[in-house]
N, C-alpha and C. Protein backbone atom coordinates (compact mmCIF):
# COMPACT_ATOMS: atom_id res chain seq x y z
N MET A 1 -3.45 -130.15 1.41
CA MET A 1 -3.96 -128.81 1.18
C MET A 1 -3.38 -128.18 -0.08
N SER A 2 -2.24 -128.65 -0.53
CA SER A 2 -1.60 -128.01 -1.67
C SER A 2 -2.40 -128.16 -2.96
N ARG A 3 -3.00 -129.33 -3.16
CA ARG A 3 -3.83 -129.51 -4.36
C ARG A 3 -5.03 -128.56 -4.31
N ARG A 4 -5.57 -128.34 -3.14
CA ARG A 4 -6.69 -127.41 -3.00
C ARG A 4 -6.26 -126.01 -3.44
N ASN A 5 -5.08 -125.59 -3.00
CA ASN A 5 -4.57 -124.28 -3.41
C ASN A 5 -4.37 -124.22 -4.92
N ALA A 6 -3.89 -125.31 -5.50
CA ALA A 6 -3.70 -125.36 -6.95
C ALA A 6 -5.04 -125.23 -7.67
N ARG A 7 -6.05 -125.91 -7.17
CA ARG A 7 -7.39 -125.82 -7.78
C ARG A 7 -7.95 -124.40 -7.65
N GLU A 8 -7.75 -123.79 -6.49
CA GLU A 8 -8.23 -122.42 -6.30
C GLU A 8 -7.52 -121.46 -7.23
N TYR A 9 -6.22 -121.63 -7.39
CA TYR A 9 -5.46 -120.79 -8.32
C TYR A 9 -5.99 -120.98 -9.74
N ALA A 10 -6.21 -122.23 -10.14
CA ALA A 10 -6.74 -122.51 -11.49
C ALA A 10 -8.11 -121.85 -11.67
N LEU A 11 -8.95 -121.90 -10.65
CA LEU A 11 -10.26 -121.25 -10.71
C LEU A 11 -10.10 -119.74 -10.93
N LYS A 12 -9.18 -119.14 -10.23
CA LYS A 12 -8.96 -117.70 -10.37
C LYS A 12 -8.45 -117.35 -11.76
N VAL A 13 -7.59 -118.20 -12.33
CA VAL A 13 -7.11 -117.96 -13.69
C VAL A 13 -8.28 -118.04 -14.67
N LEU A 14 -9.11 -119.09 -14.56
CA LEU A 14 -10.24 -119.23 -15.48
C LEU A 14 -11.24 -118.08 -15.32
N TYR A 15 -11.48 -117.68 -14.10
CA TYR A 15 -12.38 -116.54 -13.85
C TYR A 15 -11.82 -115.28 -14.51
N SER A 16 -10.54 -115.05 -14.33
CA SER A 16 -9.89 -113.88 -14.94
C SER A 16 -9.98 -113.92 -16.45
N ARG A 17 -9.85 -115.11 -17.02
CA ARG A 17 -9.94 -115.25 -18.48
C ARG A 17 -11.35 -114.97 -18.99
N GLU A 18 -12.35 -115.24 -18.17
CA GLU A 18 -13.73 -114.91 -18.57
C GLU A 18 -13.87 -113.39 -18.72
N LEU A 19 -13.21 -112.66 -17.84
CA LEU A 19 -13.29 -111.20 -17.87
C LEU A 19 -12.33 -110.59 -18.89
N ASN A 20 -11.16 -111.23 -19.06
CA ASN A 20 -10.15 -110.75 -19.99
C ASN A 20 -9.49 -111.96 -20.64
N PRO A 21 -9.90 -112.33 -21.84
CA PRO A 21 -9.39 -113.53 -22.50
C PRO A 21 -7.88 -113.57 -22.72
N ASP A 22 -7.20 -112.43 -22.61
CA ASP A 22 -5.75 -112.40 -22.80
C ASP A 22 -4.98 -112.77 -21.54
N THR A 23 -5.67 -113.03 -20.44
CA THR A 23 -5.01 -113.38 -19.18
C THR A 23 -4.27 -114.70 -19.31
N GLU A 24 -3.00 -114.70 -18.97
CA GLU A 24 -2.20 -115.93 -18.97
C GLU A 24 -2.07 -116.47 -17.55
N THR A 25 -1.57 -115.65 -16.67
CA THR A 25 -1.42 -116.04 -15.27
C THR A 25 -1.90 -114.88 -14.41
N ILE A 26 -2.05 -115.15 -13.14
CA ILE A 26 -2.45 -114.11 -12.20
C ILE A 26 -1.60 -114.23 -10.96
N ASP A 27 -1.67 -113.24 -10.11
CA ASP A 27 -0.98 -113.28 -8.83
C ASP A 27 -1.61 -114.40 -7.99
N SER A 28 -0.79 -115.13 -7.26
CA SER A 28 -1.32 -116.25 -6.47
C SER A 28 -2.18 -115.76 -5.30
N ASP A 29 -2.21 -114.45 -5.05
CA ASP A 29 -3.13 -113.85 -4.09
C ASP A 29 -3.13 -114.55 -2.73
N GLY A 30 -1.95 -114.75 -2.19
CA GLY A 30 -1.83 -115.34 -0.86
C GLY A 30 -1.85 -116.85 -0.81
N LEU A 31 -2.14 -117.51 -1.93
CA LEU A 31 -2.11 -118.97 -1.96
C LEU A 31 -0.66 -119.44 -2.05
N GLU A 32 -0.29 -120.33 -1.16
CA GLU A 32 1.06 -120.88 -1.21
C GLU A 32 1.08 -122.01 -2.23
N LEU A 33 1.87 -121.81 -3.28
CA LEU A 33 1.95 -122.80 -4.35
C LEU A 33 3.39 -123.21 -4.57
N SER A 34 3.64 -124.49 -4.43
CA SER A 34 4.95 -125.02 -4.79
C SER A 34 5.02 -125.10 -6.31
N GLU A 35 6.18 -125.40 -6.82
CA GLU A 35 6.31 -125.55 -8.27
C GLU A 35 5.41 -126.69 -8.77
N LYS A 36 5.32 -127.76 -7.99
CA LYS A 36 4.47 -128.89 -8.36
C LYS A 36 2.99 -128.47 -8.38
N ASP A 37 2.58 -127.68 -7.39
CA ASP A 37 1.20 -127.18 -7.34
C ASP A 37 0.91 -126.29 -8.54
N ARG A 38 1.85 -125.41 -8.86
CA ARG A 38 1.67 -124.50 -10.00
C ARG A 38 1.55 -125.30 -11.28
N ASP A 39 2.38 -126.35 -11.42
CA ASP A 39 2.31 -127.21 -12.61
C ASP A 39 0.95 -127.89 -12.71
N PHE A 40 0.43 -128.37 -11.58
CA PHE A 40 -0.88 -129.02 -11.56
C PHE A 40 -1.97 -128.01 -11.95
N ALA A 41 -1.91 -126.82 -11.38
CA ALA A 41 -2.89 -125.78 -11.71
C ALA A 41 -2.83 -125.43 -13.20
N ASP A 42 -1.62 -125.28 -13.72
CA ASP A 42 -1.47 -124.97 -15.14
C ASP A 42 -2.02 -126.09 -16.01
N ALA A 43 -1.80 -127.34 -15.59
CA ALA A 43 -2.32 -128.49 -16.35
C ALA A 43 -3.84 -128.51 -16.32
N LEU A 44 -4.44 -128.16 -15.19
CA LEU A 44 -5.90 -128.08 -15.10
C LEU A 44 -6.45 -127.02 -16.05
N VAL A 45 -5.85 -125.85 -16.03
CA VAL A 45 -6.29 -124.76 -16.90
C VAL A 45 -6.15 -125.17 -18.36
N LYS A 46 -5.03 -125.80 -18.69
CA LYS A 46 -4.80 -126.26 -20.06
C LYS A 46 -5.84 -127.31 -20.46
N ALA A 47 -6.16 -128.23 -19.55
CA ALA A 47 -7.16 -129.26 -19.85
C ALA A 47 -8.52 -128.62 -20.14
N VAL A 48 -8.89 -127.61 -19.37
CA VAL A 48 -10.15 -126.92 -19.63
C VAL A 48 -10.09 -126.23 -20.99
N SER A 49 -8.99 -125.56 -21.27
CA SER A 49 -8.84 -124.83 -22.54
C SER A 49 -8.82 -125.76 -23.75
N ASP A 50 -8.20 -126.92 -23.59
CA ASP A 50 -8.04 -127.86 -24.71
C ASP A 50 -9.26 -128.72 -24.99
N HIS A 51 -10.17 -128.79 -24.04
CA HIS A 51 -11.30 -129.72 -24.16
C HIS A 51 -12.63 -128.98 -24.09
N GLY A 52 -13.02 -128.41 -25.21
CA GLY A 52 -14.29 -127.70 -25.29
C GLY A 52 -15.48 -128.58 -25.00
N GLU A 53 -15.29 -129.89 -25.13
CA GLU A 53 -16.40 -130.82 -24.86
C GLU A 53 -16.81 -130.80 -23.39
N ILE A 54 -15.98 -130.23 -22.53
CA ILE A 54 -16.35 -130.11 -21.12
C ILE A 54 -17.64 -129.29 -21.00
N ASP A 55 -17.75 -128.24 -21.79
CA ASP A 55 -18.97 -127.43 -21.75
C ASP A 55 -20.18 -128.23 -22.20
N ASP A 56 -19.98 -129.14 -23.16
CA ASP A 56 -21.08 -130.02 -23.58
C ASP A 56 -21.50 -130.95 -22.45
N MET A 57 -20.52 -131.44 -21.69
CA MET A 57 -20.82 -132.30 -20.54
C MET A 57 -21.66 -131.54 -19.52
N ILE A 58 -21.28 -130.30 -19.27
CA ILE A 58 -22.03 -129.49 -18.31
C ILE A 58 -23.45 -129.27 -18.82
N SER A 59 -23.56 -128.86 -20.07
CA SER A 59 -24.88 -128.58 -20.66
C SER A 59 -25.80 -129.80 -20.61
N ALA A 60 -25.22 -130.98 -20.78
CA ALA A 60 -26.01 -132.21 -20.78
C ALA A 60 -26.61 -132.52 -19.41
N HIS A 61 -26.04 -131.93 -18.35
CA HIS A 61 -26.49 -132.26 -17.00
C HIS A 61 -27.09 -131.07 -16.26
N VAL A 62 -27.30 -129.97 -16.97
CA VAL A 62 -27.93 -128.80 -16.38
C VAL A 62 -29.28 -128.62 -17.06
N THR A 63 -30.34 -128.72 -16.28
CA THR A 63 -31.67 -128.58 -16.86
C THR A 63 -32.18 -127.16 -16.67
N ASN A 64 -32.89 -126.68 -17.66
CA ASN A 64 -33.52 -125.36 -17.63
C ASN A 64 -32.54 -124.18 -17.62
N TRP A 65 -31.28 -124.43 -17.92
CA TRP A 65 -30.28 -123.37 -17.98
C TRP A 65 -29.40 -123.60 -19.20
N SER A 66 -28.97 -122.53 -19.82
CA SER A 66 -27.94 -122.66 -20.85
C SER A 66 -26.60 -122.35 -20.18
N LEU A 67 -25.54 -122.76 -20.80
CA LEU A 67 -24.21 -122.53 -20.24
C LEU A 67 -23.96 -121.03 -20.01
N SER A 68 -24.44 -120.21 -20.93
CA SER A 68 -24.21 -118.77 -20.80
C SER A 68 -24.97 -118.15 -19.62
N GLN A 69 -25.99 -118.84 -19.13
CA GLN A 69 -26.76 -118.33 -17.99
C GLN A 69 -26.14 -118.70 -16.65
N LEU A 70 -25.20 -119.62 -16.65
CA LEU A 70 -24.60 -120.06 -15.39
C LEU A 70 -23.70 -118.97 -14.81
N ASN A 71 -23.67 -118.90 -13.51
CA ASN A 71 -22.74 -118.04 -12.79
C ASN A 71 -21.32 -118.38 -13.24
N VAL A 72 -20.50 -117.39 -13.49
CA VAL A 72 -19.14 -117.61 -14.00
C VAL A 72 -18.32 -118.48 -13.06
N VAL A 73 -18.44 -118.25 -11.76
CA VAL A 73 -17.68 -119.06 -10.80
C VAL A 73 -18.15 -120.50 -10.84
N ASP A 74 -19.46 -120.72 -10.78
CA ASP A 74 -19.99 -122.09 -10.81
C ASP A 74 -19.57 -122.82 -12.07
N LYS A 75 -19.68 -122.15 -13.20
CA LYS A 75 -19.32 -122.76 -14.48
C LYS A 75 -17.85 -123.18 -14.48
N ASN A 76 -16.98 -122.35 -13.94
CA ASN A 76 -15.56 -122.68 -13.95
C ASN A 76 -15.18 -123.73 -12.91
N ILE A 77 -15.90 -123.79 -11.81
CA ILE A 77 -15.69 -124.89 -10.86
C ILE A 77 -16.08 -126.20 -11.53
N LEU A 78 -17.20 -126.21 -12.22
CA LEU A 78 -17.62 -127.42 -12.94
C LEU A 78 -16.60 -127.81 -14.00
N ARG A 79 -16.11 -126.84 -14.75
CA ARG A 79 -15.11 -127.12 -15.78
C ARG A 79 -13.85 -127.75 -15.19
N LEU A 80 -13.37 -127.18 -14.09
CA LEU A 80 -12.16 -127.71 -13.47
C LEU A 80 -12.35 -129.14 -12.98
N ALA A 81 -13.46 -129.38 -12.31
CA ALA A 81 -13.71 -130.72 -11.78
C ALA A 81 -13.82 -131.75 -12.89
N LEU A 82 -14.54 -131.41 -13.95
CA LEU A 82 -14.69 -132.35 -15.06
C LEU A 82 -13.39 -132.53 -15.82
N ALA A 83 -12.62 -131.48 -15.95
CA ALA A 83 -11.31 -131.60 -16.60
C ALA A 83 -10.41 -132.53 -15.81
N GLU A 84 -10.40 -132.37 -14.50
CA GLU A 84 -9.56 -133.23 -13.67
C GLU A 84 -10.01 -134.68 -13.76
N PHE A 85 -11.30 -134.89 -13.67
CA PHE A 85 -11.84 -136.25 -13.68
C PHE A 85 -11.60 -136.96 -15.01
N HIS A 86 -11.83 -136.26 -16.11
CA HIS A 86 -11.78 -136.90 -17.42
C HIS A 86 -10.44 -136.80 -18.15
N PHE A 87 -9.64 -135.77 -17.87
CA PHE A 87 -8.50 -135.51 -18.73
C PHE A 87 -7.15 -135.38 -18.04
N MET A 88 -7.07 -135.60 -16.75
CA MET A 88 -5.79 -135.45 -16.07
C MET A 88 -5.04 -136.76 -15.90
N GLY A 89 -5.58 -137.85 -16.38
CA GLY A 89 -4.86 -139.12 -16.34
C GLY A 89 -4.42 -139.50 -14.95
N ASP A 90 -3.14 -139.81 -14.80
CA ASP A 90 -2.60 -140.25 -13.52
C ASP A 90 -2.63 -139.16 -12.45
N GLU A 91 -2.74 -137.92 -12.87
CA GLU A 91 -2.78 -136.80 -11.92
C GLU A 91 -4.13 -136.67 -11.23
N ALA A 92 -5.17 -137.28 -11.80
CA ALA A 92 -6.53 -137.11 -11.29
C ALA A 92 -6.72 -137.81 -9.95
N GLU A 93 -7.50 -137.19 -9.12
CA GLU A 93 -7.91 -137.79 -7.84
C GLU A 93 -9.16 -138.62 -8.11
N ASP A 94 -9.66 -139.29 -7.06
CA ASP A 94 -10.87 -140.08 -7.28
C ASP A 94 -12.11 -139.18 -7.33
N ARG A 95 -13.16 -139.74 -7.86
CA ARG A 95 -14.41 -139.03 -8.12
C ARG A 95 -14.94 -138.29 -6.89
N LYS A 96 -15.03 -138.98 -5.77
CA LYS A 96 -15.59 -138.37 -4.56
C LYS A 96 -14.74 -137.19 -4.08
N LEU A 97 -13.43 -137.34 -4.16
CA LEU A 97 -12.56 -136.26 -3.72
C LEU A 97 -12.69 -135.05 -4.64
N ILE A 98 -12.76 -135.28 -5.94
CA ILE A 98 -12.91 -134.17 -6.89
C ILE A 98 -14.22 -133.43 -6.63
N ILE A 99 -15.30 -134.18 -6.43
CA ILE A 99 -16.59 -133.54 -6.14
C ILE A 99 -16.52 -132.76 -4.83
N ASN A 100 -15.93 -133.36 -3.81
CA ASN A 100 -15.81 -132.68 -2.52
C ASN A 100 -15.02 -131.38 -2.64
N GLU A 101 -13.91 -131.43 -3.36
CA GLU A 101 -13.10 -130.23 -3.54
C GLU A 101 -13.88 -129.14 -4.28
N ALA A 102 -14.64 -129.54 -5.29
CA ALA A 102 -15.46 -128.58 -6.05
C ALA A 102 -16.53 -127.97 -5.14
N VAL A 103 -17.16 -128.79 -4.32
CA VAL A 103 -18.18 -128.30 -3.39
C VAL A 103 -17.56 -127.31 -2.39
N GLU A 104 -16.38 -127.63 -1.89
CA GLU A 104 -15.72 -126.73 -0.94
C GLU A 104 -15.37 -125.39 -1.60
N MET A 105 -14.92 -125.43 -2.85
CA MET A 105 -14.63 -124.18 -3.57
C MET A 105 -15.91 -123.38 -3.77
N ALA A 106 -17.00 -124.07 -4.08
CA ALA A 106 -18.29 -123.39 -4.28
C ALA A 106 -18.76 -122.72 -2.99
N LYS A 107 -18.50 -123.34 -1.86
CA LYS A 107 -18.88 -122.73 -0.58
C LYS A 107 -18.12 -121.43 -0.33
N VAL A 108 -16.88 -121.38 -0.79
CA VAL A 108 -16.04 -120.20 -0.58
C VAL A 108 -16.29 -119.13 -1.64
N TYR A 109 -16.35 -119.54 -2.90
CA TYR A 109 -16.37 -118.58 -4.01
C TYR A 109 -17.73 -118.42 -4.68
N GLY A 110 -18.62 -119.36 -4.50
CA GLY A 110 -19.91 -119.33 -5.19
C GLY A 110 -21.00 -118.64 -4.39
N GLY A 111 -22.19 -118.69 -4.94
CA GLY A 111 -23.35 -118.12 -4.27
C GLY A 111 -23.84 -119.01 -3.14
N GLU A 112 -24.91 -118.59 -2.52
CA GLU A 112 -25.44 -119.28 -1.33
C GLU A 112 -25.76 -120.75 -1.57
N SER A 113 -26.34 -121.08 -2.71
CA SER A 113 -26.70 -122.47 -2.97
C SER A 113 -25.82 -123.11 -4.05
N SER A 114 -24.74 -122.45 -4.41
CA SER A 114 -23.86 -122.98 -5.46
C SER A 114 -23.35 -124.38 -5.15
N TYR A 115 -23.00 -124.61 -3.89
CA TYR A 115 -22.41 -125.90 -3.55
C TYR A 115 -23.38 -127.05 -3.82
N ARG A 116 -24.67 -126.83 -3.59
CA ARG A 116 -25.66 -127.89 -3.86
C ARG A 116 -25.78 -128.12 -5.37
N PHE A 117 -25.81 -127.04 -6.12
CA PHE A 117 -25.88 -127.12 -7.58
C PHE A 117 -24.66 -127.86 -8.14
N ILE A 118 -23.48 -127.46 -7.70
CA ILE A 118 -22.22 -128.09 -8.15
C ILE A 118 -22.24 -129.57 -7.82
N ASN A 119 -22.62 -129.91 -6.61
CA ASN A 119 -22.66 -131.31 -6.19
C ASN A 119 -23.59 -132.12 -7.08
N GLY A 120 -24.78 -131.61 -7.34
CA GLY A 120 -25.75 -132.33 -8.16
C GLY A 120 -25.29 -132.54 -9.59
N VAL A 121 -24.76 -131.48 -10.21
CA VAL A 121 -24.30 -131.58 -11.59
C VAL A 121 -23.13 -132.56 -11.70
N LEU A 122 -22.15 -132.43 -10.81
CA LEU A 122 -20.98 -133.31 -10.89
C LEU A 122 -21.33 -134.76 -10.59
N ASP A 123 -22.24 -134.96 -9.65
CA ASP A 123 -22.65 -136.33 -9.34
C ASP A 123 -23.22 -137.01 -10.58
N LYS A 124 -24.04 -136.29 -11.33
CA LYS A 124 -24.61 -136.85 -12.56
C LYS A 124 -23.55 -136.97 -13.66
N ALA A 125 -22.74 -135.95 -13.82
CA ALA A 125 -21.79 -135.91 -14.94
C ALA A 125 -20.63 -136.88 -14.78
N MET A 126 -20.33 -137.29 -13.55
CA MET A 126 -19.19 -138.18 -13.32
C MET A 126 -19.59 -139.64 -13.16
N LYS A 127 -20.86 -139.93 -13.33
CA LYS A 127 -21.30 -141.33 -13.29
C LYS A 127 -21.19 -141.90 -14.69
N GLY A 128 -20.41 -142.94 -14.83
CA GLY A 128 -20.29 -143.65 -16.10
C GLY A 128 -20.18 -142.78 -17.26
């Protein structure tokens, strides 16, 4: 469960940065994070920040929508999942687990059908 909390914290940081680009960290808001979890969350946020090509990956697998039209939560869940899959090296979980975690976050934080959208985009974006 700790990695899930780290991912949720990272999502909240990215969401906050969308609203206020000067945001560095945020209150953990009830999420229990060990130092290791916080380090993982920080690494995820850094991977998203350092790899602008993640947005290109998303755009390549989203039809009839531009990146700017995507819901902020959905867009950041996609960014986190793709950052973990492509750029976290030994820290990354396997493809199915990353997709499942993203879908679960979408069920909690996204819109009514966000989880289906997230699942479809990640399934395409993480194949080969």
